Amino acid sequence: QGIFVTPNHGCYEQVSAQIRAILHRYSPLVEPLSLDEAFLDVSGMEWIYGDPVDMARKIKADIRHELNLTASA
């Protein structure tokens, strides 16, 4: 009864690169864990983007606006 969809790894990699580009706007220190996860070191970035919670909200908004995807932070 299952529906099987052929994966499109090229598309996943392209979107992952787009998300990483957004993350790099906020910190030069981005450590990817997988195609859809990464850690950011935002130490010292508060003077540019506000506190880390505000920064996370901005990142999520950028991903939503530019890629029409939902992100968690």
PDB file of N, CA and C in Angstrom:
ATOM      1  N   GLN A   1       0.820  -1.203   0.000  1.00  0.00           N
ATOM      2  CA  GLN A   1       0.000   0.000   0.000  1.00  0.00           C
ATOM      3  C   GLN A   1       0.861   1.262   0.000  1.00  0.00           C
ATOM      4  N   GLY A   2       2.176   1.110   0.104  1.00  0.00           N
ATOM      5  CA  GLY A   2       3.057   2.277   0.158  1.00  0.00           C
ATOM      6  C   GLY A   2       3.239   2.914  -1.205  1.00  0.00           C
ATOM      7  N   ILE A   3       3.561   4.177  -1.185  1.00  0.00           N
ATOM      8  CA  ILE A   3       3.890   4.911  -2.404  1.00  0.00           C
ATOM      9  C   ILE A   3       5.389   5.183  -2.364  1.00  0.00           C
ATOM     10  N   PHE A   4       6.098   4.736  -3.375  1.00  0.00           N
ATOM     11  CA  PHE A   4       7.541   4.907  -3.428  1.00  0.00           C
ATOM     12  C   PHE A   4       7.881   6.006  -4.421  1.00  0.00           C
ATOM     13  N   VAL A   5       8.686   6.942  -3.977  1.00  0.00           N
ATOM     14  CA  VAL A   5       9.090   8.072  -4.812  1.00  0.00           C
ATOM     15  C   VAL A   5      10.598   7.964  -5.044  1.00  0.00           C
ATOM     16  N   THR A   6      11.002   8.091  -6.273  1.00  0.00           N
ATOM     17  CA  THR A   6      12.421   8.043  -6.591  1.00  0.00           C
ATOM     18  C   THR A   6      13.102   9.290  -6.050  1.00  0.00           C
ATOM     19  N   PRO A   7      14.165   9.120  -5.262  1.00  0.00           N
ATOM     20  CA  PRO A   7      14.847  10.292  -4.697  1.00  0.00           C
ATOM     21  C   PRO A   7      15.614  11.061  -5.762  1.00  0.00           C
ATOM     22  N   ASN A   8      15.809  12.335  -5.508  1.00  0.00           N
ATOM     23  CA  ASN A   8      16.564  13.184  -6.414  1.00  0.00           C
ATOM     24  C   ASN A   8      17.730  13.785  -5.622  1.00  0.00           C
ATOM     25  N   HIS A   9      18.811  13.030  -5.491  1.00  0.00           N
ATOM     26  CA  HIS A   9      19.933  13.455  -4.658  1.00  0.00           C
ATOM     27  C   HIS A   9      20.576  14.740  -5.163  1.00  0.00           C
ATOM     28  N   GLY A  10      20.574  14.951  -6.455  1.00  0.00           N
ATOM     29  CA  GLY A  10      21.128  16.190  -7.011  1.00  0.00           C
ATOM     30  C   GLY A  10      20.378  17.407  -6.517  1.00  0.00           C
ATOM     31  N   CYS A  11      19.059  17.288  -6.467  1.00  0.00           N
ATOM     32  CA  CYS A  11      18.226  18.377  -5.959  1.00  0.00           C
ATOM     33  C   CYS A  11      18.504  18.617  -4.477  1.00  0.00           C
ATOM     34  N   TYR A  12      18.606  17.538  -3.704  1.00  0.00           N
ATOM     35  CA  TYR A  12      18.882  17.664  -2.264  1.00  0.00           C
ATOM     36  C   TYR A  12      20.209  18.382  -2.038  1.00  0.00           C
ATOM     37  N   GLU A  13      21.227  18.011  -2.814  1.00  0.00           N
ATOM     38  CA  GLU A  13      22.545  18.630  -2.665  1.00  0.00           C
ATOM     39  C   GLU A  13      22.506  20.116  -3.038  1.00  0.00           C
ATOM     40  N   GLN A  14      21.744  20.447  -4.075  1.00  0.00           N
ATOM     41  CA  GLN A  14      21.632  21.839  -4.510  1.00  0.00           C
ATOM     42  C   GLN A  14      20.962  22.691  -3.421  1.00  0.00           C
ATOM     43  N   VAL A  15      19.877  22.207  -2.869  1.00  0.00           N
ATOM     44  CA  VAL A  15      19.168  22.945  -1.822  1.00  0.00           C
ATOM     45  C   VAL A  15      20.032  23.039  -0.564  1.00  0.00           C
ATOM     46  N   SER A  16      20.746  21.976  -0.243  1.00  0.00           N
ATOM     47  CA  SER A  16      21.651  21.997   0.904  1.00  0.00           C
ATOM     48  C   SER A  16      22.709  23.080   0.727  1.00  0.00           C
ATOM     49  N   ALA A  17      23.252  23.216  -0.458  1.00  0.00           N
ATOM     50  CA  ALA A  17      24.249  24.253  -0.731  1.00  0.00           C
ATOM     51  C   ALA A  17      23.636  25.645  -0.597  1.00  0.00           C
ATOM     52  N   GLN A  18      22.393  25.798  -1.023  1.00  0.00           N
ATOM     53  CA  GLN A  18      21.711  27.088  -0.894  1.00  0.00           C
ATOM     54  C   GLN A  18      21.504  27.441   0.584  1.00  0.00           C
ATOM     55  N   ILE A  19      21.129  26.455   1.381  1.00  0.00           N
ATOM     56  CA  ILE A  19      20.945  26.693   2.810  1.00  0.00           C
ATOM     57  C   ILE A  19      22.282  27.038   3.452  1.00  0.00           C
ATOM     58  N   ARG A  20      23.340  26.320   3.103  1.00  0.00           N
ATOM     59  CA  ARG A  20      24.660  26.619   3.657  1.00  0.00           C
ATOM     60  C   ARG A  20      25.106  28.036   3.299  1.00  0.00           C
ATOM     61  N   ALA A  21      24.779  28.488   2.091  1.00  0.00           N
ATOM     62  CA  ALA A  21      25.126  29.856   1.691  1.00  0.00           C
ATOM     63  C   ALA A  21      24.415  30.871   2.585  1.00  0.00           C
ATOM     64  N   ILE A  22      23.166  30.606   2.903  1.00  0.00           N
ATOM     65  CA  ILE A  22      22.435  31.482   3.820  1.00  0.00           C
ATOM     66  C   ILE A  22      23.105  31.469   5.191  1.00  0.00           C
ATOM     67  N   LEU A  23      23.459  30.297   5.686  1.00  0.00           N
ATOM     68  CA  LEU A  23      24.099  30.198   7.000  1.00  0.00           C
ATOM     69  C   LEU A  23      25.417  30.959   7.032  1.00  0.00           C
ATOM     70  N   HIS A  24      26.175  30.912   5.944  1.00  0.00           N
ATOM     71  CA  HIS A  24      27.474  31.596   5.890  1.00  0.00           C
ATOM     72  C   HIS A  24      27.329  33.114   5.919  1.00  0.00           C
ATOM     73  N   ARG A  25      26.149  33.636   5.651  1.00  0.00           N
ATOM     74  CA  ARG A  25      25.933  35.078   5.784  1.00  0.00           C
ATOM     75  C   ARG A  25      26.008  35.517   7.242  1.00  0.00           C
ATOM     76  N   TYR A  26      25.693  34.582   8.133  1.00  0.00           N
ATOM     77  CA  TYR A  26      25.601  34.895   9.558  1.00  0.00           C
ATOM     78  C   TYR A  26      26.840  34.498  10.340  1.00  0.00           C
ATOM     79  N   SER A  27      27.637  33.601   9.816  1.00  0.00           N
ATOM     80  CA  SER A  27      28.863  33.180  10.493  1.00  0.00           C
ATOM     81  C   SER A  27      29.777  32.502   9.479  1.00  0.00           C
ATOM     82  N   PRO A  28      31.077  32.790   9.556  1.00  0.00           N
ATOM     83  CA  PRO A  28      32.006  32.085   8.676  1.00  0.00           C
ATOM     84  C   PRO A  28      32.274  30.660   9.161  1.00  0.00           C
ATOM     85  N   LEU A  29      31.861  30.367  10.390  1.00  0.00           N
ATOM     86  CA  LEU A  29      32.118  29.053  10.977  1.00  0.00           C
ATOM     87  C   LEU A  29      30.857  28.202  10.959  1.00  0.00           C
ATOM     88  N   VAL A  30      30.651  27.503   9.860  1.00  0.00           N
ATOM     89  CA  VAL A  30      29.497  26.621   9.675  1.00  0.00           C
ATOM     90  C   VAL A  30      30.029  25.200   9.561  1.00  0.00           C
ATOM     91  N   GLU A  31      29.531  24.322  10.411  1.00  0.00           N
ATOM     92  CA  GLU A  31      29.955  22.918  10.378  1.00  0.00           C
ATOM     93  C   GLU A  31      28.770  22.048   9.987  1.00  0.00           C
ATOM     94  N   PRO A  32      28.703  21.625   8.718  1.00  0.00           N
ATOM     95  CA  PRO A  32      27.603  20.763   8.284  1.00  0.00           C
ATOM     96  C   PRO A  32      27.681  19.388   8.951  1.00  0.00           C
ATOM     97  N   LEU A  33      26.523  18.859   9.324  1.00  0.00           N
ATOM     98  CA  LEU A  33      26.441  17.508   9.883  1.00  0.00           C
ATOM     99  C   LEU A  33      25.895  16.531   8.855  1.00  0.00           C
ATOM    100  N   SER A  34      25.005  17.026   8.016  1.00  0.00           N
ATOM    101  CA  SER A  34      24.386  16.215   6.968  1.00  0.00           C
ATOM    102  C   SER A  34      23.841  17.191   5.934  1.00  0.00           C
ATOM    103  N   LEU A  35      23.059  16.698   4.998  1.00  0.00           N
ATOM    104  CA  LEU A  35      22.501  17.597   3.984  1.00  0.00           C
ATOM    105  C   LEU A  35      21.585  18.662   4.586  1.00  0.00           C
ATOM    106  N   ASP A  36      20.949  18.349   5.718  1.00  0.00           N
ATOM    107  CA  ASP A  36      19.967  19.290   6.255  1.00  0.00           C
ATOM    108  C   ASP A  36      20.232  19.715   7.697  1.00  0.00           C
ATOM    109  N   GLU A  37      21.460  19.562   8.170  1.00  0.00           N
ATOM    110  CA  GLU A  37      21.798  19.975   9.527  1.00  0.00           C
ATOM    111  C   GLU A  37      23.180  20.610   9.552  1.00  0.00           C
ATOM    112  N   ALA A  38      23.342  21.618  10.420  1.00  0.00           N
ATOM    113  CA  ALA A  38      24.650  22.252  10.573  1.00  0.00           C
ATOM    114  C   ALA A  38      24.703  22.974  11.910  1.00  0.00           C
ATOM    115  N   PHE A  39      25.923  23.139  12.410  1.00  0.00           N
ATOM    116  CA  PHE A  39      26.178  23.964  13.586  1.00  0.00           C
ATOM    117  C   PHE A  39      26.795  25.271  13.115  1.00  0.00           C
ATOM    118  N   LEU A  40      26.437  26.376  13.769  1.00  0.00           N
ATOM    119  CA  LEU A  40      27.055  27.672  13.511  1.00  0.00           C
ATOM    120  C   LEU A  40      27.708  28.163  14.786  1.00  0.00           C
ATOM    121  N   ASP A  41      28.913  28.677  14.676  1.00  0.00           N
ATOM    122  CA  ASP A  41      29.542  29.362  15.799  1.00  0.00           C
ATOM    123  C   ASP A  41      29.256  30.843  15.593  1.00  0.00           C
ATOM    124  N   VAL A  42      28.405  31.397  16.433  1.00  0.00           N
ATOM    125  CA  VAL A  42      28.001  32.798  16.289  1.00  0.00           C
ATOM    126  C   VAL A  42      28.655  33.679  17.352  1.00  0.00           C
ATOM    127  N   SER A  43      29.718  33.187  17.971  1.00  0.00           N
ATOM    128  CA  SER A  43      30.428  33.967  18.979  1.00  0.00           C
ATOM    129  C   SER A  43      30.893  35.294  18.384  1.00  0.00           C
ATOM    130  N   GLY A  44      30.590  36.380  19.060  1.00  0.00           N
ATOM    131  CA  GLY A  44      31.025  37.700  18.618  1.00  0.00           C
ATOM    132  C   GLY A  44      30.192  38.318  17.520  1.00  0.00           C
ATOM    133  N   MET A  45      29.177  37.624  17.028  1.00  0.00           N
ATOM    134  CA  MET A  45      28.354  38.161  15.936  1.00  0.00           C
ATOM    135  C   MET A  45      27.175  38.995  16.444  1.00  0.00           C
ATOM    136  N   GLU A  46      27.000  39.058  17.762  1.00  0.00           N
ATOM    137  CA  GLU A  46      25.855  39.752  18.337  1.00  0.00           C
ATOM    138  C   GLU A  46      25.824  41.230  17.936  1.00  0.00           C
ATOM    139  N   TRP A  47      26.982  41.840  17.802  1.00  0.00           N
ATOM    140  CA  TRP A  47      27.025  43.259  17.475  1.00  0.00           C
ATOM    141  C   TRP A  47      26.523  43.540  16.063  1.00  0.00           C
ATOM    142  N   ILE A  48      26.474  42.520  15.226  1.00  0.00           N
ATOM    143  CA  ILE A  48      25.953  42.682  13.863  1.00  0.00           C
ATOM    144  C   ILE A  48      24.480  42.278  13.787  1.00  0.00           C
ATOM    145  N   TYR A  49      24.120  41.135  14.365  1.00  0.00           N
ATOM    146  CA  TYR A  49      22.796  40.543  14.157  1.00  0.00           C
ATOM    147  C   TYR A  49      21.904  40.511  15.389  1.00  0.00           C
ATOM    148  N   GLY A  50      22.360  41.038  16.502  1.00  0.00           N
ATOM    149  CA  GLY A  50      21.565  40.939  17.718  1.00  0.00           C
ATOM    150  C   GLY A  50      21.870  39.635  18.436  1.00  0.00           C
ATOM    151  N   ASP A  51      21.019  39.299  19.374  1.00  0.00           N
ATOM    152  CA  ASP A  51      21.315  38.090  20.156  1.00  0.00           C
ATOM    153  C   ASP A  51      21.076  36.826  19.330  1.00  0.00           C
ATOM    154  N   PRO A  52      21.623  35.693  19.751  1.00  0.00           N
ATOM    155  CA  PRO A  52      21.532  34.464  18.957  1.00  0.00           C
ATOM    156  C   PRO A  52      20.101  34.026  18.633  1.00  0.00           C
ATOM    157  N   VAL A  53      19.156  34.306  19.520  1.00  0.00           N
ATOM    158  CA  VAL A  53      17.767  33.936  19.224  1.00  0.00           C
ATOM    159  C   VAL A  53      17.238  34.769  18.056  1.00  0.00           C
ATOM    160  N   ASP A  54      17.546  36.060  18.048  1.00  0.00           N
ATOM    161  CA  ASP A  54      17.140  36.907  16.920  1.00  0.00           C
ATOM    162  C   ASP A  54      17.806  36.444  15.632  1.00  0.00           C
ATOM    163  N   MET A  55      19.076  36.063  15.743  1.00  0.00           N
ATOM    164  CA  MET A  55      19.804  35.579  14.581  1.00  0.00           C
ATOM    165  C   MET A  55      19.146  34.309  14.024  1.00  0.00           C
ATOM    166  N   ALA A  56      18.760  33.398  14.892  1.00  0.00           N
ATOM    167  CA  ALA A  56      18.092  32.165  14.457  1.00  0.00           C
ATOM    168  C   ALA A  56      16.783  32.490  13.745  1.00  0.00           C
ATOM    169  N   ARG A  57      16.048  33.454  14.275  1.00  0.00           N
ATOM    170  CA  ARG A  57      14.789  33.854  13.620  1.00  0.00           C
ATOM    171  C   ARG A  57      15.049  34.429  12.228  1.00  0.00           C
ATOM    172  N   LYS A  58      16.109  35.225  12.100  1.00  0.00           N
ATOM    173  CA  LYS A  58      16.449  35.808  10.796  1.00  0.00           C
ATOM    174  C   LYS A  58      16.854  34.720   9.801  1.00  0.00           C
ATOM    175  N   ILE A  59      17.633  33.761  10.265  1.00  0.00           N
ATOM    176  CA  ILE A  59      18.047  32.657   9.388  1.00  0.00           C
ATOM    177  C   ILE A  59      16.827  31.876   8.912  1.00  0.00           C
ATOM    178  N   LYS A  60      15.935  31.546   9.838  1.00  0.00           N
ATOM    179  CA  LYS A  60      14.718  30.814   9.468  1.00  0.00           C
ATOM    180  C   LYS A  60      13.894  31.607   8.474  1.00  0.00           C
ATOM    181  N   ALA A  61      13.791  32.926   8.684  1.00  0.00           N
ATOM    182  CA  ALA A  61      13.016  33.780   7.771  1.00  0.00           C
ATOM    183  C   ALA A  61      13.667  33.819   6.387  1.00  0.00           C
ATOM    184  N   ASP A  62      14.993  33.889   6.333  1.00  0.00           N
ATOM    185  CA  ASP A  62      15.686  33.887   5.041  1.00  0.00           C
ATOM    186  C   ASP A  62      15.435  32.588   4.282  1.00  0.00           C
ATOM    187  N   ILE A  63      15.520  31.469   4.990  1.00  0.00           N
ATOM    188  CA  ILE A  63      15.281  30.165   4.345  1.00  0.00           C
ATOM    189  C   ILE A  63      13.845  30.084   3.840  1.00  0.00           C
ATOM    190  N   ARG A  64      12.908  30.541   4.641  1.00  0.00           N
ATOM    191  CA  ARG A  64      11.488  30.530   4.236  1.00  0.00           C
ATOM    192  C   ARG A  64      11.266  31.420   3.018  1.00  0.00           C
ATOM    193  N   HIS A  65      11.812  32.628   3.069  1.00  0.00           N
ATOM    194  CA  HIS A  65      11.588  33.601   1.995  1.00  0.00           C
ATOM    195  C   HIS A  65      12.271  33.182   0.690  1.00  0.00           C
ATOM    196  N   GLU A  66      13.508  32.711   0.784  1.00  0.00           N
ATOM    197  CA  GLU A  66      14.288  32.429  -0.424  1.00  0.00           C
ATOM    198  C   GLU A  66      14.063  31.034  -0.996  1.00  0.00           C
ATOM    199  N   LEU A  67      13.776  30.061  -0.138  1.00  0.00           N
ATOM    200  CA  LEU A  67      13.668  28.681  -0.600  1.00  0.00           C
ATOM    201  C   LEU A  67      12.292  28.083  -0.392  1.00  0.00           C
ATOM    202  N   ASN A  68      11.413  28.816   0.283  1.00  0.00           N
ATOM    203  CA  ASN A  68      10.055  28.335   0.592  1.00  0.00           C
ATOM    204  C   ASN A  68      10.115  27.014   1.377  1.00  0.00           C
ATOM    205  N   LEU A  69      11.068  26.967   2.333  1.00  0.00           N
ATOM    206  CA  LEU A  69      11.227  25.800   3.185  1.00  0.00           C
ATOM    207  C   LEU A  69      11.123  26.220   4.648  1.00  0.00           C
ATOM    208  N   THR A  70      10.710  25.302   5.486  1.00  0.00           N
ATOM    209  CA  THR A  70      10.653  25.525   6.923  1.00  0.00           C
ATOM    210  C   THR A  70      11.940  24.995   7.542  1.00  0.00           C
ATOM    211  N   ALA A  71      12.517  25.788   8.450  1.00  0.00           N
ATOM    212  CA  ALA A  71      13.737  25.362   9.141  1.00  0.00           C
ATOM    213  C   ALA A  71      13.498  25.423  10.642  1.00  0.00           C
ATOM    214  N   SER A  72      14.247  24.633  11.368  1.00  0.00           N
ATOM    215  CA  SER A  72      14.211  24.706  12.818  1.00  0.00           C
ATOM    216  C   SER A  72      15.573  25.170  13.301  1.00  0.00           C
ATOM    217  N   ALA A  73      15.570  25.797  14.459  1.00  0.00           N
ATOM    218  CA  ALA A  73      16.842  26.301  15.021  1.00  0.00           C
ATOM    219  C   ALA A  73      16.786  26.139  16.529  1.00  0.00           C
TER     220      ALA A  73
END
